[in-house]
Amino acid sequence: MADFPFDLVAFDLDGTLADTAPDIAAALNLTLGDFGRPALDPGLIRTLIGGGAKTLIRKALEAGGEATDAMVERAYPVYLDRYGANICEGTACYPAVEQAMDDLAARGVRLAICTNKPERLTHALLEALGWAGRFAAVVAGDSFPYRKPDPRLLTGTVARAGGGRAAYVGDSIIDADTAKAAGIPFVAVSFGFSDRPASEFGADAVIDDYADLIGALRSLA
């Protein structure tokens, strides 16, 4: 529909389109156990997700003691293997998210993914959720030599998806900072993984339900 204010809407993945925390927490705690560290509360792990797997591992190791670069590098492939083996056991998409994506597509809006999750795991998760064909571009944490909050990951996503008027939807201050630096309007979801309320992100709009996404995007026109 020609009157819709955006040609493209890009989404973060973890905590934005799907609640992936149960599978991330399970894989992370198994990895911590491999390194003689105690398991962390899944609620705490939710607040640590967002900066990519290595950042998550470092924060988890720091919660129980020392976290050297060497330790993070050793734990990283272990975590990826454990998570990849059970990537969609406890994961679920958020309510109304598929309808929101359908509504955007019906308006001729292209969809894209911009995540710090590794590419291999991103595509595996999208396939498991039945979303593999929904997106004009899928850009992950290892698609370029930089990651969020570097705005080039988001601007690169927009370019790969065909350009045009773009908005970004995410669940963390990292997403908010990325969008701001890229000069792209940002819609925050209030139900994702964050160490602070979405109202503190400085977002252009905040939604509590995907049923409100279309209206929120229109309000940014």
N, C-alpha and C. Protein backbone atom coordinates (compact mmCIF):
# COMPACT_ATOMS: atom_id res chain seq x y z
N MET A 1 0.85 -1.20 0.00
CA MET A 1 0.00 0.00 0.00
C MET A 1 0.89 1.25 0.00
N ALA A 2 0.63 2.16 -0.94
CA ALA A 2 1.53 3.28 -1.17
C ALA A 2 1.61 4.24 0.00
N ASP A 3 0.60 4.29 0.88
CA ASP A 3 0.59 5.26 1.96
C ASP A 3 1.34 4.78 3.19
N PHE A 4 1.86 3.55 3.18
CA PHE A 4 2.57 3.06 4.36
C PHE A 4 3.94 3.74 4.41
N PRO A 5 4.39 4.17 5.60
CA PRO A 5 5.59 5.02 5.66
C PRO A 5 6.92 4.30 5.45
N PHE A 6 6.94 2.96 5.40
CA PHE A 6 8.21 2.25 5.27
C PHE A 6 8.16 1.22 4.15
N ASP A 7 9.30 1.12 3.44
CA ASP A 7 9.46 0.09 2.40
C ASP A 7 10.01 -1.20 2.99
N LEU A 8 10.69 -1.08 4.13
CA LEU A 8 11.42 -2.19 4.73
C LEU A 8 11.35 -2.09 6.24
N VAL A 9 11.12 -3.22 6.89
CA VAL A 9 11.22 -3.29 8.35
C VAL A 9 12.21 -4.41 8.68
N ALA A 10 13.26 -4.04 9.39
CA ALA A 10 14.25 -5.01 9.83
C ALA A 10 13.99 -5.35 11.30
N PHE A 11 14.26 -6.59 11.65
CA PHE A 11 14.03 -7.08 13.01
C PHE A 11 15.30 -7.69 13.59
N ASP A 12 15.53 -7.43 14.86
CA ASP A 12 16.42 -8.27 15.64
C ASP A 12 15.72 -9.63 15.77
N LEU A 13 16.42 -10.65 16.23
CA LEU A 13 15.82 -11.99 16.30
C LEU A 13 15.56 -12.44 17.74
N ASP A 14 16.61 -12.68 18.50
CA ASP A 14 16.45 -13.17 19.87
C ASP A 14 15.79 -12.14 20.76
N GLY A 15 14.67 -12.50 21.36
CA GLY A 15 13.97 -11.58 22.25
C GLY A 15 13.11 -10.57 21.53
N THR A 16 13.15 -10.57 20.21
CA THR A 16 12.35 -9.64 19.42
C THR A 16 11.28 -10.37 18.64
N LEU A 17 11.68 -11.30 17.79
CA LEU A 17 10.72 -12.12 17.06
C LEU A 17 10.37 -13.40 17.80
N ALA A 18 11.32 -13.93 18.55
CA ALA A 18 11.11 -15.22 19.23
C ALA A 18 11.75 -15.22 20.60
N ASP A 19 11.11 -15.91 21.53
CA ASP A 19 11.67 -16.11 22.86
C ASP A 19 12.59 -17.32 22.79
N THR A 20 13.86 -17.05 22.56
CA THR A 20 14.87 -18.10 22.42
C THR A 20 15.60 -18.39 23.72
N ALA A 21 15.26 -17.67 24.78
CA ALA A 21 16.00 -17.77 26.04
C ALA A 21 16.06 -19.18 26.63
N PRO A 22 14.97 -19.98 26.57
CA PRO A 22 15.08 -21.32 27.16
C PRO A 22 16.19 -22.17 26.56
N ASP A 23 16.34 -22.12 25.23
CA ASP A 23 17.37 -22.94 24.58
C ASP A 23 18.76 -22.34 24.76
N ILE A 24 18.84 -21.01 24.74
CA ILE A 24 20.13 -20.36 24.99
C ILE A 24 20.61 -20.67 26.41
N ALA A 25 19.70 -20.55 27.38
CA ALA A 25 20.07 -20.79 28.77
C ALA A 25 20.50 -22.23 28.99
N ALA A 26 19.79 -23.17 28.38
CA ALA A 26 20.14 -24.58 28.55
C ALA A 26 21.52 -24.86 27.99
N ALA A 27 21.81 -24.34 26.79
CA ALA A 27 23.12 -24.56 26.17
C ALA A 27 24.23 -23.88 26.96
N LEU A 28 23.95 -22.67 27.44
CA LEU A 28 24.96 -21.93 28.19
C LEU A 28 25.28 -22.62 29.50
N ASN A 29 24.27 -23.08 30.22
CA ASN A 29 24.52 -23.74 31.50
C ASN A 29 25.25 -25.07 31.33
N LEU A 30 24.96 -25.79 30.27
CA LEU A 30 25.73 -27.01 29.98
C LEU A 30 27.19 -26.67 29.71
N THR A 31 27.42 -25.58 28.99
CA THR A 31 28.78 -25.15 28.68
C THR A 31 29.51 -24.70 29.95
N LEU A 32 28.83 -23.96 30.80
CA LEU A 32 29.43 -23.56 32.07
C LEU A 32 29.83 -24.79 32.89
N GLY A 33 28.96 -25.81 32.89
CA GLY A 33 29.27 -27.03 33.60
C GLY A 33 30.51 -27.71 33.06
N ASP A 34 30.69 -27.66 31.73
CA ASP A 34 31.89 -28.25 31.12
C ASP A 34 33.17 -27.58 31.62
N PHE A 35 33.04 -26.32 32.03
CA PHE A 35 34.20 -25.56 32.49
C PHE A 35 34.23 -25.41 34.01
N GLY A 36 33.45 -26.26 34.69
CA GLY A 36 33.47 -26.28 36.14
C GLY A 36 32.82 -25.10 36.81
N ARG A 37 31.93 -24.42 36.08
CA ARG A 37 31.25 -23.26 36.64
C ARG A 37 29.81 -23.62 36.99
N PRO A 38 29.24 -22.98 38.01
CA PRO A 38 27.86 -23.26 38.38
C PRO A 38 26.87 -22.74 37.34
N ALA A 39 25.73 -23.39 37.25
CA ALA A 39 24.67 -22.92 36.35
C ALA A 39 24.13 -21.58 36.84
N LEU A 40 23.67 -20.77 35.89
CA LEU A 40 23.08 -19.48 36.21
C LEU A 40 21.57 -19.56 36.12
N ASP A 41 20.90 -18.71 36.87
CA ASP A 41 19.45 -18.64 36.82
C ASP A 41 19.02 -18.20 35.42
N PRO A 42 18.06 -18.91 34.82
CA PRO A 42 17.60 -18.53 33.48
C PRO A 42 17.12 -17.09 33.38
N GLY A 43 16.55 -16.57 34.47
CA GLY A 43 16.11 -15.18 34.47
C GLY A 43 17.28 -14.22 34.33
N LEU A 44 18.41 -14.53 34.96
CA LEU A 44 19.61 -13.71 34.81
C LEU A 44 20.12 -13.79 33.38
N ILE A 45 20.13 -14.98 32.82
CA ILE A 45 20.65 -15.16 31.46
C ILE A 45 19.87 -14.32 30.47
N ARG A 46 18.55 -14.16 30.68
CA ARG A 46 17.75 -13.33 29.79
C ARG A 46 18.30 -11.90 29.69
N THR A 47 18.83 -11.39 30.79
CA THR A 47 19.34 -10.01 30.80
C THR A 47 20.72 -9.90 30.18
N LEU A 48 21.38 -11.04 29.93
CA LEU A 48 22.74 -11.04 29.38
C LEU A 48 22.76 -11.20 27.87
N ILE A 49 21.64 -11.62 27.28
CA ILE A 49 21.58 -11.89 25.84
C ILE A 49 21.51 -10.58 25.07
N GLY A 50 22.16 -10.55 23.91
CA GLY A 50 22.01 -9.38 23.04
C GLY A 50 23.29 -8.92 22.37
N GLY A 51 24.43 -9.18 22.96
CA GLY A 51 25.68 -8.71 22.38
C GLY A 51 26.41 -9.74 21.56
N GLY A 52 25.77 -10.88 21.33
CA GLY A 52 26.43 -11.97 20.62
C GLY A 52 26.89 -13.05 21.58
N ALA A 53 27.22 -14.22 21.02
CA ALA A 53 27.52 -15.39 21.85
C ALA A 53 28.77 -15.20 22.70
N LYS A 54 29.81 -14.59 22.15
CA LYS A 54 31.03 -14.43 22.94
C LYS A 54 30.81 -13.47 24.10
N THR A 55 30.05 -12.43 23.88
CA THR A 55 29.73 -11.50 24.96
C THR A 55 28.90 -12.20 26.03
N LEU A 56 27.95 -13.01 25.60
CA LEU A 56 27.13 -13.78 26.53
C LEU A 56 27.99 -14.71 27.37
N ILE A 57 28.89 -15.43 26.72
CA ILE A 57 29.77 -16.36 27.43
C ILE A 57 30.65 -15.62 28.43
N ARG A 58 31.20 -14.50 28.00
CA ARG A 58 32.07 -13.73 28.90
C ARG A 58 31.30 -13.28 30.15
N LYS A 59 30.11 -12.74 29.95
CA LYS A 59 29.31 -12.29 31.08
C LYS A 59 28.95 -13.46 32.00
N ALA A 60 28.64 -14.61 31.41
CA ALA A 60 28.28 -15.78 32.21
C ALA A 60 29.47 -16.28 33.02
N LEU A 61 30.65 -16.29 32.41
CA LEU A 61 31.86 -16.70 33.14
C LEU A 61 32.18 -15.70 34.25
N GLU A 62 32.02 -14.43 33.96
CA GLU A 62 32.29 -13.40 34.97
C GLU A 62 31.37 -13.51 36.17
N ALA A 63 30.16 -14.02 35.94
CA ALA A 63 29.20 -14.17 37.04
C ALA A 63 29.67 -15.21 38.05
N GLY A 64 30.57 -16.11 37.62
CA GLY A 64 31.03 -17.16 38.52
C GLY A 64 32.52 -17.15 38.78
N GLY A 65 33.21 -16.07 38.33
CA GLY A 65 34.66 -16.01 38.55
C GLY A 65 35.39 -15.34 37.41
N GLU A 66 36.57 -15.85 37.10
CA GLU A 66 37.43 -15.26 36.08
C GLU A 66 36.88 -15.53 34.68
N ALA A 67 37.16 -14.60 33.76
CA ALA A 67 36.72 -14.76 32.37
C ALA A 67 37.80 -14.18 31.46
N THR A 68 38.82 -14.97 31.16
CA THR A 68 39.89 -14.51 30.29
C THR A 68 39.49 -14.69 28.83
N ASP A 69 40.21 -14.02 27.95
CA ASP A 69 39.95 -14.16 26.52
C ASP A 69 40.11 -15.62 26.09
N ALA A 70 41.11 -16.29 26.63
CA ALA A 70 41.36 -17.69 26.26
C ALA A 70 40.20 -18.58 26.68
N MET A 71 39.65 -18.33 27.86
CA MET A 71 38.52 -19.11 28.32
C MET A 71 37.31 -18.92 27.43
N VAL A 72 37.06 -17.66 27.05
CA VAL A 72 35.92 -17.37 26.17
C VAL A 72 36.10 -18.08 24.84
N GLU A 73 37.31 -18.04 24.29
CA GLU A 73 37.56 -18.69 23.00
C GLU A 73 37.40 -20.20 23.08
N ARG A 74 37.77 -20.80 24.20
CA ARG A 74 37.59 -22.25 24.36
C ARG A 74 36.12 -22.61 24.52
N ALA A 75 35.39 -21.77 25.24
CA ALA A 75 33.98 -22.07 25.51
C ALA A 75 33.09 -21.82 24.30
N TYR A 76 33.50 -20.90 23.43
CA TYR A 76 32.66 -20.48 22.31
C TYR A 76 32.21 -21.63 21.41
N PRO A 77 33.11 -22.44 20.85
CA PRO A 77 32.64 -23.53 19.99
C PRO A 77 31.83 -24.58 20.74
N VAL A 78 32.12 -24.77 22.02
CA VAL A 78 31.36 -25.73 22.82
C VAL A 78 29.91 -25.25 22.94
N TYR A 79 29.76 -23.98 23.25
CA TYR A 79 28.41 -23.41 23.36
C TYR A 79 27.68 -23.48 22.03
N LEU A 80 28.33 -23.11 20.93
CA LEU A 80 27.67 -23.14 19.63
C LEU A 80 27.19 -24.54 19.28
N ASP A 81 28.01 -25.55 19.56
CA ASP A 81 27.61 -26.92 19.26
C ASP A 81 26.42 -27.35 20.13
N ARG A 82 26.47 -27.00 21.39
CA ARG A 82 25.37 -27.39 22.30
C ARG A 82 24.07 -26.67 21.91
N TYR A 83 24.17 -25.42 21.60
CA TYR A 83 22.98 -24.66 21.22
C TYR A 83 22.44 -25.13 19.87
N GLY A 84 23.33 -25.33 18.91
CA GLY A 84 22.90 -25.75 17.59
C GLY A 84 22.21 -27.10 17.59
N ALA A 85 22.59 -27.96 18.51
CA ALA A 85 22.00 -29.30 18.57
C ALA A 85 20.56 -29.27 19.09
N ASN A 86 20.19 -28.21 19.80
CA ASN A 86 18.83 -28.10 20.37
C ASN A 86 18.33 -26.67 20.23
N ILE A 87 18.33 -26.17 19.00
CA ILE A 87 18.11 -24.75 18.78
C ILE A 87 16.65 -24.32 18.90
N CYS A 88 15.73 -25.26 18.79
CA CYS A 88 14.32 -24.87 18.83
C CYS A 88 13.50 -25.87 19.64
N GLU A 89 14.03 -26.25 20.80
CA GLU A 89 13.31 -27.16 21.70
C GLU A 89 12.33 -26.39 22.58
N GLY A 90 12.80 -25.31 23.19
CA GLY A 90 11.94 -24.51 24.05
C GLY A 90 11.62 -23.14 23.48
N THR A 91 12.13 -22.85 22.30
CA THR A 91 11.92 -21.55 21.66
C THR A 91 10.52 -21.44 21.09
N ALA A 92 9.95 -20.24 21.17
CA ALA A 92 8.62 -20.00 20.60
C ALA A 92 8.56 -18.57 20.08
N CYS A 93 7.86 -18.38 18.97
CA CYS A 93 7.67 -17.02 18.47
C CYS A 93 6.70 -16.29 19.39
N TYR A 94 6.81 -14.98 19.42
CA TYR A 94 5.94 -14.19 20.28
C TYR A 94 4.52 -14.11 19.70
N PRO A 95 3.52 -13.94 20.56
CA PRO A 95 2.13 -13.85 20.08
C PRO A 95 1.96 -12.75 19.04
N ALA A 96 1.21 -13.06 18.02
CA ALA A 96 0.83 -12.12 16.95
C ALA A 96 1.98 -11.71 16.05
N VAL A 97 3.18 -12.27 16.25
CA VAL A 97 4.31 -11.83 15.43
C VAL A 97 4.16 -12.27 13.97
N GLU A 98 3.65 -13.47 13.74
CA GLU A 98 3.50 -13.92 12.36
C GLU A 98 2.41 -13.12 11.64
N GLN A 99 1.35 -12.78 12.35
CA GLN A 99 0.31 -11.94 11.76
C GLN A 99 0.86 -10.56 11.42
N ALA A 100 1.70 -10.02 12.30
CA ALA A 100 2.30 -8.72 12.03
C ALA A 100 3.18 -8.76 10.78
N MET A 101 3.96 -9.83 10.64
CA MET A 101 4.79 -9.96 9.45
C MET A 101 3.93 -10.12 8.20
N ASP A 102 2.85 -10.88 8.31
CA ASP A 102 1.92 -11.03 7.18
C ASP A 102 1.30 -9.69 6.81
N ASP A 103 0.92 -8.91 7.81
CA ASP A 103 0.30 -7.61 7.56
C ASP A 103 1.27 -6.66 6.86
N LEU A 104 2.52 -6.70 7.26
CA LEU A 104 3.53 -5.87 6.60
C LEU A 104 3.72 -6.32 5.15
N ALA A 105 3.84 -7.62 4.95
CA ALA A 105 4.04 -8.14 3.59
C ALA A 105 2.86 -7.78 2.69
N ALA A 106 1.65 -7.81 3.25
CA ALA A 106 0.45 -7.46 2.48
C ALA A 106 0.47 -6.01 2.04
N ARG A 107 1.21 -5.17 2.75
CA ARG A 107 1.35 -3.77 2.39
C ARG A 107 2.54 -3.54 1.47
N GLY A 108 3.17 -4.61 1.04
CA GLY A 108 4.32 -4.50 0.15
C GLY A 108 5.61 -4.18 0.86
N VAL A 109 5.63 -4.34 2.18
CA VAL A 109 6.83 -4.03 2.96
C VAL A 109 7.76 -5.24 2.97
N ARG A 110 9.03 -5.02 2.64
CA ARG A 110 10.02 -6.09 2.73
C ARG A 110 10.48 -6.26 4.18
N LEU A 111 10.81 -7.47 4.55
CA LEU A 111 11.26 -7.79 5.90
C LEU A 111 12.72 -8.24 5.87
N ALA A 112 13.42 -7.97 6.95
CA ALA A 112 14.83 -8.38 7.04
C ALA A 112 15.16 -8.72 8.49
N ILE A 113 16.23 -9.48 8.65
CA ILE A 113 16.78 -9.82 9.96
C ILE A 113 18.12 -9.14 10.12
N CYS A 114 18.34 -8.51 11.28
CA CYS A 114 19.64 -7.92 11.63
C CYS A 114 19.94 -8.34 13.06
N THR A 115 20.81 -9.33 13.22
CA THR A 115 21.06 -9.94 14.52
C THR A 115 22.55 -10.13 14.75
N ASN A 116 22.95 -10.19 16.01
CA ASN A 116 24.34 -10.55 16.34
C ASN A 116 24.53 -12.05 16.45
N LYS A 117 23.47 -12.82 16.30
CA LYS A 117 23.55 -14.28 16.35
C LYS A 117 24.41 -14.77 15.18
N PRO A 118 25.22 -15.81 15.34
CA PRO A 118 26.00 -16.32 14.21
C PRO A 118 25.11 -16.74 13.05
N GLU A 119 25.61 -16.59 11.85
CA GLU A 119 24.84 -16.85 10.64
C GLU A 119 24.29 -18.28 10.60
N ARG A 120 25.15 -19.25 10.92
CA ARG A 120 24.73 -20.65 10.86
C ARG A 120 23.54 -20.91 11.77
N LEU A 121 23.59 -20.37 12.97
CA LEU A 121 22.51 -20.58 13.93
C LEU A 121 21.28 -19.77 13.57
N THR A 122 21.49 -18.59 13.01
CA THR A 122 20.36 -17.77 12.58
C THR A 122 19.53 -18.49 11.53
N HIS A 123 20.19 -19.01 10.51
CA HIS A 123 19.46 -19.71 9.45
C HIS A 123 18.83 -21.00 9.96
N ALA A 124 19.51 -21.69 10.87
CA ALA A 124 18.95 -22.91 11.45
C ALA A 124 17.67 -22.60 12.23
N LEU A 125 17.69 -21.52 12.99
CA LEU A 125 16.51 -21.15 13.78
C LEU A 125 15.36 -20.71 12.88
N LEU A 126 15.66 -19.90 11.88
CA LEU A 126 14.60 -19.46 10.96
C LEU A 126 13.97 -20.66 10.26
N GLU A 127 14.79 -21.61 9.88
CA GLU A 127 14.27 -22.83 9.25
C GLU A 127 13.38 -23.59 10.22
N ALA A 128 13.81 -23.74 11.46
CA ALA A 128 13.04 -24.48 12.46
C ALA A 128 11.71 -23.80 12.76
N LEU A 129 11.67 -22.47 12.69
CA LEU A 129 10.45 -21.73 12.95
C LEU A 129 9.54 -21.65 11.73
N GLY A 130 10.02 -22.13 10.59
CA GLY A 130 9.23 -22.06 9.36
C GLY A 130 9.26 -20.69 8.71
N TRP A 131 10.30 -19.91 8.97
CA TRP A 131 10.38 -18.52 8.50
C TRP A 131 11.45 -18.33 7.43
N ALA A 132 12.01 -19.39 6.91
CA ALA A 132 13.18 -19.26 6.04
C ALA A 132 12.93 -18.41 4.81
N GLY A 133 11.70 -18.38 4.29
CA GLY A 133 11.43 -17.63 3.07
C GLY A 133 10.82 -16.26 3.27
N ARG A 134 10.75 -15.80 4.51
CA ARG A 134 10.03 -14.55 4.80
C ARG A 134 10.86 -13.28 4.56
N PHE A 135 12.18 -13.39 4.51
CA PHE A 135 13.01 -12.20 4.63
C PHE A 135 13.80 -11.91 3.36
N ALA A 136 13.82 -10.61 3.01
CA ALA A 136 14.58 -10.18 1.83
C ALA A 136 16.07 -10.23 2.08
N ALA A 137 16.47 -10.15 3.34
CA ALA A 137 17.88 -10.26 3.71
C ALA A 137 17.97 -10.78 5.14
N VAL A 138 18.98 -11.60 5.38
CA VAL A 138 19.28 -12.09 6.72
C VAL A 138 20.74 -11.77 7.00
N VAL A 139 20.98 -10.82 7.90
CA VAL A 139 22.33 -10.40 8.24
C VAL A 139 22.59 -10.76 9.69
N ALA A 140 23.69 -11.45 9.92
CA ALA A 140 24.01 -11.98 11.24
C ALA A 140 25.31 -11.39 11.76
N GLY A 141 25.69 -11.83 12.95
CA GLY A 141 26.85 -11.26 13.62
C GLY A 141 28.17 -11.53 12.94
N ASP A 142 28.23 -12.54 12.07
CA ASP A 142 29.45 -12.82 11.33
C ASP A 142 29.28 -12.61 9.83
N SER A 143 28.23 -11.89 9.43
CA SER A 143 28.03 -11.59 8.02
C SER A 143 28.99 -10.50 7.53
N PHE A 144 29.37 -9.60 8.45
CA PHE A 144 30.32 -8.52 8.18
C PHE A 144 31.39 -8.56 9.28
N PRO A 145 32.48 -7.81 9.10
CA PRO A 145 33.51 -7.77 10.15
C PRO A 145 33.18 -6.80 11.28
N TYR A 146 31.91 -6.56 11.54
CA TYR A 146 31.47 -5.71 12.64
C TYR A 146 30.10 -6.19 13.10
N ARG A 147 29.73 -5.77 14.29
CA ARG A 147 28.51 -6.24 14.93
C ARG A 147 27.78 -5.06 15.55
N LYS A 148 26.50 -5.24 15.85
CA LYS A 148 25.79 -4.21 16.61
C LYS A 148 26.50 -3.99 17.95
N PRO A 149 26.64 -2.76 18.40
CA PRO A 149 25.94 -1.54 17.99
C PRO A 149 26.58 -0.77 16.84
N ASP A 150 27.53 -1.35 16.13
CA ASP A 150 28.06 -0.68 14.94
C ASP A 150 26.91 -0.50 13.94
N PRO A 151 26.60 0.73 13.55
CA PRO A 151 25.43 0.95 12.69
C PRO A 151 25.56 0.34 11.31
N ARG A 152 26.79 -0.01 10.91
CA ARG A 152 26.98 -0.57 9.58
C ARG A 152 26.32 -1.93 9.42
N LEU A 153 26.10 -2.64 10.53
CA LEU A 153 25.39 -3.91 10.41
C LEU A 153 23.95 -3.66 9.98
N LEU A 154 23.34 -2.61 10.53
CA LEU A 154 21.96 -2.29 10.18
C LEU A 154 21.87 -1.65 8.80
N THR A 155 22.75 -0.70 8.51
CA THR A 155 22.71 -0.09 7.18
C THR A 155 23.05 -1.11 6.10
N GLY A 156 23.94 -2.05 6.43
CA GLY A 156 24.24 -3.13 5.48
C GLY A 156 23.05 -4.04 5.26
N THR A 157 22.28 -4.27 6.31
CA THR A 157 21.05 -5.07 6.20
C THR A 157 20.06 -4.38 5.26
N VAL A 158 19.88 -3.08 5.47
CA VAL A 158 18.95 -2.32 4.63
C VAL A 158 19.39 -2.39 3.17
N ALA A 159 20.68 -2.23 2.93
CA ALA A 159 21.18 -2.28 1.55
C ALA A 159 20.96 -3.65 0.93
N ARG A 160 21.25 -4.71 1.68
CA ARG A 160 21.08 -6.07 1.16
C ARG A 160 19.61 -6.38 0.87
N ALA A 161 18.71 -5.76 1.63
CA ALA A 161 17.28 -6.01 1.45
C ALA A 161 16.65 -5.13 0.38
N GLY A 162 17.45 -4.31 -0.28
CA GLY A 162 16.93 -3.52 -1.38
C GLY A 162 16.77 -2.05 -1.13
N GLY A 163 17.13 -1.59 0.10
CA GLY A 163 17.09 -0.18 0.40
C GLY A 163 15.68 0.38 0.58
N GLY A 164 15.59 1.69 0.59
CA GLY A 164 14.30 2.36 0.79
C GLY A 164 14.13 2.87 2.20
N ARG A 165 12.93 3.34 2.49
CA ARG A 165 12.60 3.86 3.83
C ARG A 165 12.52 2.68 4.79
N ALA A 166 13.37 2.70 5.82
CA ALA A 166 13.49 1.55 6.71
C ALA A 166 13.22 1.91 8.16
N ALA A 167 12.71 0.92 8.91
CA ALA A 167 12.58 1.01 10.36
C ALA A 167 13.18 -0.26 10.95
N TYR A 168 13.54 -0.17 12.22
CA TYR A 168 14.15 -1.31 12.90
C TYR A 168 13.35 -1.63 14.15
N VAL A 169 13.18 -2.92 14.44
CA VAL A 169 12.45 -3.38 15.62
C VAL A 169 13.39 -4.24 16.45
N GLY A 170 13.52 -3.93 17.74
CA GLY A 170 14.42 -4.70 18.60
C GLY A 170 14.00 -4.65 20.05
N ASP A 171 14.81 -5.30 20.89
CA ASP A 171 14.41 -5.46 22.29
C ASP A 171 15.46 -5.00 23.29
N SER A 172 16.52 -4.33 22.84
CA SER A 172 17.60 -4.01 23.76
C SER A 172 18.17 -2.63 23.51
N ILE A 173 18.95 -2.14 24.46
CA ILE A 173 19.63 -0.87 24.30
C ILE A 173 20.64 -0.96 23.17
N ILE A 174 21.19 -2.14 22.93
CA ILE A 174 22.12 -2.32 21.81
C ILE A 174 21.40 -2.06 20.49
N ASP A 175 20.19 -2.58 20.36
CA ASP A 175 19.40 -2.34 19.15
C ASP A 175 19.07 -0.85 19.02
N ALA A 176 18.69 -0.23 20.13
CA ALA A 176 18.34 1.19 20.12
C ALA A 176 19.54 2.04 19.70
N ASP A 177 20.71 1.74 20.26
CA ASP A 177 21.91 2.51 19.93
C ASP A 177 22.30 2.30 18.47
N THR A 178 22.12 1.08 17.96
CA THR A 178 22.44 0.79 16.57
C THR A 178 21.56 1.60 15.63
N ALA A 179 20.25 1.58 15.90
CA ALA A 179 19.32 2.32 15.06
C ALA A 179 19.58 3.82 15.11
N LYS A 180 19.84 4.34 16.29
CA LYS A 180 20.10 5.78 16.43
C LYS A 180 21.33 6.18 15.64
N ALA A 181 22.40 5.37 15.76
CA ALA A 181 23.63 5.69 15.04
C ALA A 181 23.45 5.58 13.53
N ALA A 182 22.53 4.70 13.10
CA ALA A 182 22.26 4.53 11.68
C ALA A 182 21.27 5.55 11.15
N GLY A 183 20.63 6.32 12.04
CA GLY A 183 19.62 7.28 11.62
C GLY A 183 18.34 6.64 11.13
N ILE A 184 18.01 5.50 11.73
CA ILE A 184 16.84 4.72 11.31
C ILE A 184 15.83 4.68 12.46
N PRO A 185 14.55 4.96 12.22
CA PRO A 185 13.54 4.91 13.29
C PRO A 185 13.52 3.55 13.97
N PHE A 186 13.32 3.58 15.29
CA PHE A 186 13.41 2.36 16.09
C PHE A 186 12.15 2.13 16.90
N VAL A 187 11.60 0.92 16.79
CA VAL A 187 10.47 0.48 17.61
C VAL A 187 10.99 -0.58 18.58
N ALA A 188 10.81 -0.36 19.86
CA ALA A 188 11.23 -1.31 20.88
C ALA A 188 10.06 -2.19 21.30
N VAL A 189 10.33 -3.47 21.50
CA VAL A 189 9.34 -4.36 22.10
C VAL A 189 9.65 -4.42 23.60
N SER A 190 8.61 -4.44 24.41
CA SER A 190 8.79 -4.36 25.86
C SER A 190 9.00 -5.71 26.52
N PHE A 191 8.91 -6.79 25.74
CA PHE A 191 8.86 -8.13 26.32
C PHE A 191 10.10 -8.97 26.02
N GLY A 192 11.17 -8.37 25.54
CA GLY A 192 12.34 -9.14 25.14
C GLY A 192 13.35 -9.34 26.25
N PHE A 193 14.62 -9.41 25.85
CA PHE A 193 15.72 -9.66 26.78
C PHE A 193 16.45 -8.35 27.03
N SER A 194 16.38 -7.84 28.23
CA SER A 194 17.01 -6.55 28.51
C SER A 194 17.30 -6.42 29.99
N ASP A 195 18.33 -5.62 30.28
CA ASP A 195 18.65 -5.34 31.68
C ASP A 195 18.01 -4.05 32.17
N ARG A 196 17.11 -3.48 31.33
CA ARG A 196 16.41 -2.25 31.72
C ARG A 196 15.08 -2.19 30.98
N PRO A 197 14.13 -1.38 31.46
CA PRO A 197 12.84 -1.28 30.77
C PRO A 197 12.99 -0.67 29.39
N ALA A 198 12.14 -1.10 28.47
CA ALA A 198 12.17 -0.58 27.10
C ALA A 198 11.92 0.92 27.06
N SER A 199 11.22 1.44 28.05
CA SER A 199 10.94 2.88 28.10
C SER A 199 12.21 3.70 28.27
N GLU A 200 13.32 3.05 28.66
CA GLU A 200 14.58 3.77 28.87
C GLU A 200 15.50 3.70 27.66
N PHE A 201 15.05 3.08 26.57
CA PHE A 201 15.91 2.93 25.39
C PHE A 201 16.04 4.20 24.56
N GLY A 202 15.10 5.12 24.71
CA GLY A 202 15.06 6.26 23.82
C GLY A 202 14.50 5.90 22.45
N ALA A 203 13.63 4.90 22.42
CA ALA A 203 13.03 4.43 21.16
C ALA A 203 12.02 5.45 20.64
N ASP A 204 11.77 5.38 19.34
CA ASP A 204 10.76 6.25 18.73
C ASP A 204 9.35 5.78 19.08
N ALA A 205 9.21 4.49 19.37
CA ALA A 205 7.93 3.92 19.81
C ALA A 205 8.23 2.65 20.58
N VAL A 206 7.35 2.30 21.51
CA VAL A 206 7.46 1.06 22.28
C VAL A 206 6.14 0.32 22.16
N ILE A 207 6.21 -0.99 21.87
CA ILE A 207 4.98 -1.79 21.81
C ILE A 207 5.04 -2.91 22.84
N ASP A 208 3.86 -3.26 23.35
CA ASP A 208 3.73 -4.36 24.29
C ASP A 208 3.20 -5.62 23.62
N ASP A 209 2.78 -5.48 22.37
CA ASP A 209 2.14 -6.58 21.65
C ASP A 209 2.35 -6.35 20.15
N TYR A 210 2.60 -7.42 19.41
CA TYR A 210 2.80 -7.26 17.97
C TYR A 210 1.54 -6.81 17.23
N ALA A 211 0.40 -6.94 17.87
CA ALA A 211 -0.82 -6.41 17.27
C ALA A 211 -0.75 -4.89 17.13
N ASP A 212 0.16 -4.25 17.86
CA ASP A 212 0.30 -2.80 17.83
C ASP A 212 1.39 -2.32 16.88
N LEU A 213 2.08 -3.24 16.19
CA LEU A 213 3.24 -2.83 15.39
C LEU A 213 2.86 -1.93 14.22
N ILE A 214 1.83 -2.31 13.47
CA ILE A 214 1.45 -1.51 12.31
C ILE A 214 1.14 -0.08 12.73
N GLY A 215 0.36 0.07 13.78
CA GLY A 215 0.02 1.40 14.27
C GLY A 215 1.23 2.19 14.73
N ALA A 216 2.17 1.50 15.40
CA ALA A 216 3.38 2.17 15.86
C ALA A 216 4.21 2.67 14.69
N LEU A 217 4.33 1.84 13.66
CA LEU A 217 5.09 2.25 12.48
C LEU A 217 4.42 3.42 11.77
N ARG A 218 3.09 3.39 11.69
CA ARG A 218 2.37 4.51 11.07
C ARG A 218 2.60 5.80 11.85
N SER A 219 2.70 5.69 13.16
CA SER A 219 2.88 6.89 13.98
C SER A 219 4.22 7.55 13.74
N LEU A 220 5.16 6.84 13.14
CA LEU A 220 6.48 7.39 12.89
C LEU A 220 6.57 8.12 11.55
N ALA A 221 5.49 8.13 10.81
CA ALA A 221 5.49 8.78 9.49
C ALA A 221 5.79 10.27 9.63
